[in-house]
Amino acid sequence: MEMVYITSIVLEYYTLPQIKRLREFNTQFIATHLFHGPISHILVYSGWLLVLLLLSLLDLIQPSAFKTQMFMQLLLLGSLTGIIYATAQIYNGTATFQLITGIFAATTLATFLGFNQFDLLISPVALYFSGLLLTFNSTLAIYFIHKKVVGEKIAWYKSVS
């Protein structure tokens, strides 16, 4: 998926504007718009959250033999990543879809932790991802609350990009 995405970006960038306007080239750009547009951004960025969720669950199931001493560093790095990641989703216009994925990931991780009584300190990946999810979802929630307060309409069913 990543290679198709990058190829679409290159095709879009290096094709002359006058060629893009020709009717004969419309079919070429169907794939370009499909793989470098809202659909690809939603899939790629949601995919990262889901991959980190799965890695966190696997790390909890098969933990290391020692408790991490870098609790605060992992949590802070995850939190910083969450803010940056949320800002990128706002910028690329897919924040509505990513918030849904983020809430799903947080709910799944919390449910897994709650039912299985795992200690978060034995899983560096889950600890990092917890910090990421906390700030990612919080940043996007603040963004959407702000949009609602200033009276902007939020279209949860479509991407801006």
Protein backbone atom coordinates (compact mmCIF):
# COMPACT_ATOMS: atom_id res chain seq x y z
CA MET A 1 0.00 0.00 0.00
CA GLU A 2 2.81 2.39 0.87
CA MET A 3 4.51 1.93 -2.51
CA VAL A 4 1.27 2.58 -4.41
CA TYR A 5 0.76 5.67 -2.27
CA ILE A 6 4.26 7.01 -2.99
CA THR A 7 3.94 6.19 -6.71
CA SER A 8 0.66 8.10 -6.84
CA ILE A 9 2.26 11.12 -5.21
CA VAL A 10 5.10 11.09 -7.73
CA LEU A 11 2.68 10.67 -10.67
CA GLU A 12 0.55 13.54 -9.45
CA TYR A 13 3.50 15.81 -8.78
CA TYR A 14 5.41 15.27 -12.04
CA THR A 15 2.51 15.19 -14.51
CA LEU A 16 2.19 18.50 -16.31
CA PRO A 17 -1.01 20.47 -15.57
CA GLN A 18 -1.99 20.63 -19.25
CA ILE A 19 -1.80 16.83 -19.48
CA LYS A 20 -3.95 16.47 -16.35
CA ARG A 21 -6.70 18.48 -18.06
CA LEU A 22 -6.88 16.23 -21.14
CA ARG A 23 -9.88 13.91 -21.21
CA GLU A 24 -7.77 10.97 -22.41
CA PHE A 25 -5.78 10.97 -19.18
CA ASN A 26 -8.76 10.91 -16.81
CA THR A 27 -8.56 7.14 -16.34
CA GLN A 28 -4.89 7.36 -15.40
CA PHE A 29 -5.73 9.74 -12.61
CA ILE A 30 -8.54 7.62 -11.19
CA ALA A 31 -5.88 5.43 -9.57
CA THR A 32 -3.81 8.45 -8.59
CA HIS A 33 -6.74 10.11 -6.83
CA LEU A 34 -7.76 6.83 -5.24
CA PHE A 35 -4.31 6.08 -3.84
CA HIS A 36 -3.25 9.64 -3.05
CA GLY A 37 -6.36 11.17 -1.68
CA PRO A 38 -8.78 10.81 1.19
CA ILE A 39 -9.11 7.03 0.97
CA SER A 40 -5.38 6.38 1.14
CA HIS A 41 -4.85 8.87 3.97
CA ILE A 42 -7.60 7.25 6.00
CA LEU A 43 -6.25 3.73 5.43
CA VAL A 44 -2.58 4.57 5.96
CA TYR A 45 -3.02 6.60 9.14
CA SER A 46 -5.68 4.33 10.66
CA GLY A 47 -3.41 1.44 9.82
CA TRP A 48 -0.63 2.83 11.99
CA LEU A 49 -2.95 3.06 14.98
CA LEU A 50 -4.18 -0.50 14.44
CA VAL A 51 -0.64 -1.85 14.01
CA LEU A 52 0.46 -0.20 17.27
CA LEU A 53 -2.65 -1.60 18.97
CA LEU A 54 -1.82 -5.13 17.83
CA LEU A 55 1.83 -4.76 18.85
CA SER A 56 0.72 -3.52 22.27
CA LEU A 57 -1.60 -6.48 22.75
CA LEU A 58 1.11 -8.90 21.67
CA ASP A 59 3.61 -7.25 24.01
CA LEU A 60 1.14 -7.60 26.88
CA ILE A 61 0.52 -11.27 26.13
CA GLN A 62 4.25 -12.07 25.91
CA PRO A 63 5.86 -9.50 28.25
CA SER A 64 9.52 -9.03 29.02
CA ALA A 65 10.85 -10.57 32.22
CA PHE A 66 11.42 -7.24 33.95
CA LYS A 67 9.47 -4.09 34.68
CA THR A 68 10.59 -1.11 32.68
CA GLN A 69 12.43 1.60 34.58
CA MET A 70 11.67 4.14 31.83
CA PHE A 71 8.00 4.54 32.71
CA MET A 72 7.92 8.34 32.45
CA GLN A 73 10.12 8.55 29.35
CA LEU A 74 7.94 6.07 27.43
CA LEU A 75 4.74 7.80 28.52
CA LEU A 76 6.11 11.25 27.60
CA LEU A 77 7.42 10.12 24.22
CA GLY A 78 4.10 8.44 23.47
CA SER A 79 2.25 11.58 24.52
CA LEU A 80 4.43 13.78 22.32
CA THR A 81 3.91 11.41 19.39
CA GLY A 82 0.15 11.49 20.00
CA ILE A 83 0.03 15.29 19.77
CA ILE A 84 2.13 15.32 16.59
CA TYR A 85 0.07 12.51 15.06
CA ALA A 86 -3.23 14.24 15.86
CA THR A 87 -1.96 17.51 14.40
CA ALA A 88 -1.03 15.68 11.20
CA GLN A 89 -4.55 14.24 10.96
CA ILE A 90 -6.07 17.69 11.38
CA TYR A 91 -3.73 19.01 8.69
CA ASN A 92 -4.46 16.24 6.16
CA GLY A 93 -8.22 16.44 6.75
CA THR A 94 -8.87 12.91 8.01
CA ALA A 95 -9.23 13.73 11.71
CA THR A 96 -12.86 12.57 11.88
CA PHE A 97 -11.97 9.06 10.77
CA GLN A 98 -8.80 8.92 12.86
CA LEU A 99 -10.66 9.91 16.04
CA ILE A 100 -13.03 7.00 15.50
CA THR A 101 -10.05 4.66 15.04
CA GLY A 102 -8.33 6.18 18.09
CA ILE A 103 -11.40 5.67 20.27
CA PHE A 104 -11.70 2.09 19.02
CA ALA A 105 -8.02 1.44 19.81
CA ALA A 106 -8.27 3.01 23.28
CA THR A 107 -11.42 1.05 24.10
CA THR A 108 -9.88 -2.21 22.90
CA LEU A 109 -6.66 -1.66 24.86
CA ALA A 110 -8.52 -0.62 28.02
CA THR A 111 -10.88 -3.59 27.77
CA PHE A 112 -7.97 -5.97 27.23
CA LEU A 113 -6.09 -4.50 30.19
CA GLY A 114 -9.19 -4.56 32.40
CA PHE A 115 -10.25 -8.13 31.73
CA ASN A 116 -6.80 -9.68 31.88
CA GLN A 117 -5.38 -7.66 34.80
CA PHE A 118 -2.09 -6.95 33.01
CA ASP A 119 0.50 -4.66 34.53
CA LEU A 120 1.21 -1.88 32.04
CA LEU A 121 4.75 -1.50 33.38
CA ILE A 122 5.83 -4.86 31.90
CA SER A 123 4.99 -3.75 28.37
CA PRO A 124 7.03 -0.87 26.95
CA VAL A 125 5.04 -0.89 23.70
CA ALA A 126 1.66 -0.76 25.45
CA LEU A 127 2.92 1.96 27.81
CA TYR A 128 4.13 4.08 24.88
CA PHE A 129 0.89 3.46 22.97
CA SER A 130 -1.21 4.39 26.01
CA GLY A 131 0.49 7.80 26.14
CA LEU A 132 0.03 8.19 22.40
CA LEU A 133 -3.67 7.31 22.53
CA LEU A 134 -4.35 9.57 25.50
CA THR A 135 -2.97 12.70 23.85
CA PHE A 136 -4.06 11.72 20.32
CA ASN A 137 -7.71 11.33 21.31
CA SER A 138 -7.59 14.33 23.65
CA THR A 139 -6.07 16.61 20.99
CA LEU A 140 -8.66 15.58 18.40
CA ALA A 141 -11.49 15.90 20.94
CA ILE A 142 -10.36 19.43 21.82
CA TYR A 143 -10.15 20.26 18.11
CA PHE A 144 -13.71 19.08 17.47
CA ILE A 145 -15.08 20.76 20.60
CA HIS A 146 -13.47 24.00 19.44
CA LYS A 147 -15.03 23.60 15.97
CA LYS A 148 -18.43 23.02 17.58
CA VAL A 149 -18.08 26.05 19.88
CA VAL A 150 -17.21 28.39 17.00
CA GLY A 151 -20.16 27.03 15.02
CA GLU A 152 -18.35 25.08 12.29
CA LYS A 153 -20.13 22.06 10.91
CA ILE A 154 -18.35 18.72 11.36
CA ALA A 155 -18.92 16.18 8.57
CA TRP A 156 -18.11 12.84 10.22
CA TYR A 157 -18.71 10.93 7.01
CA LYS A 158 -16.19 12.61 4.70
CA SER A 159 -12.58 13.66 4.54
CA VAL A 160 -11.43 17.17 3.78
CA SER A 161 -8.33 16.20 1.78
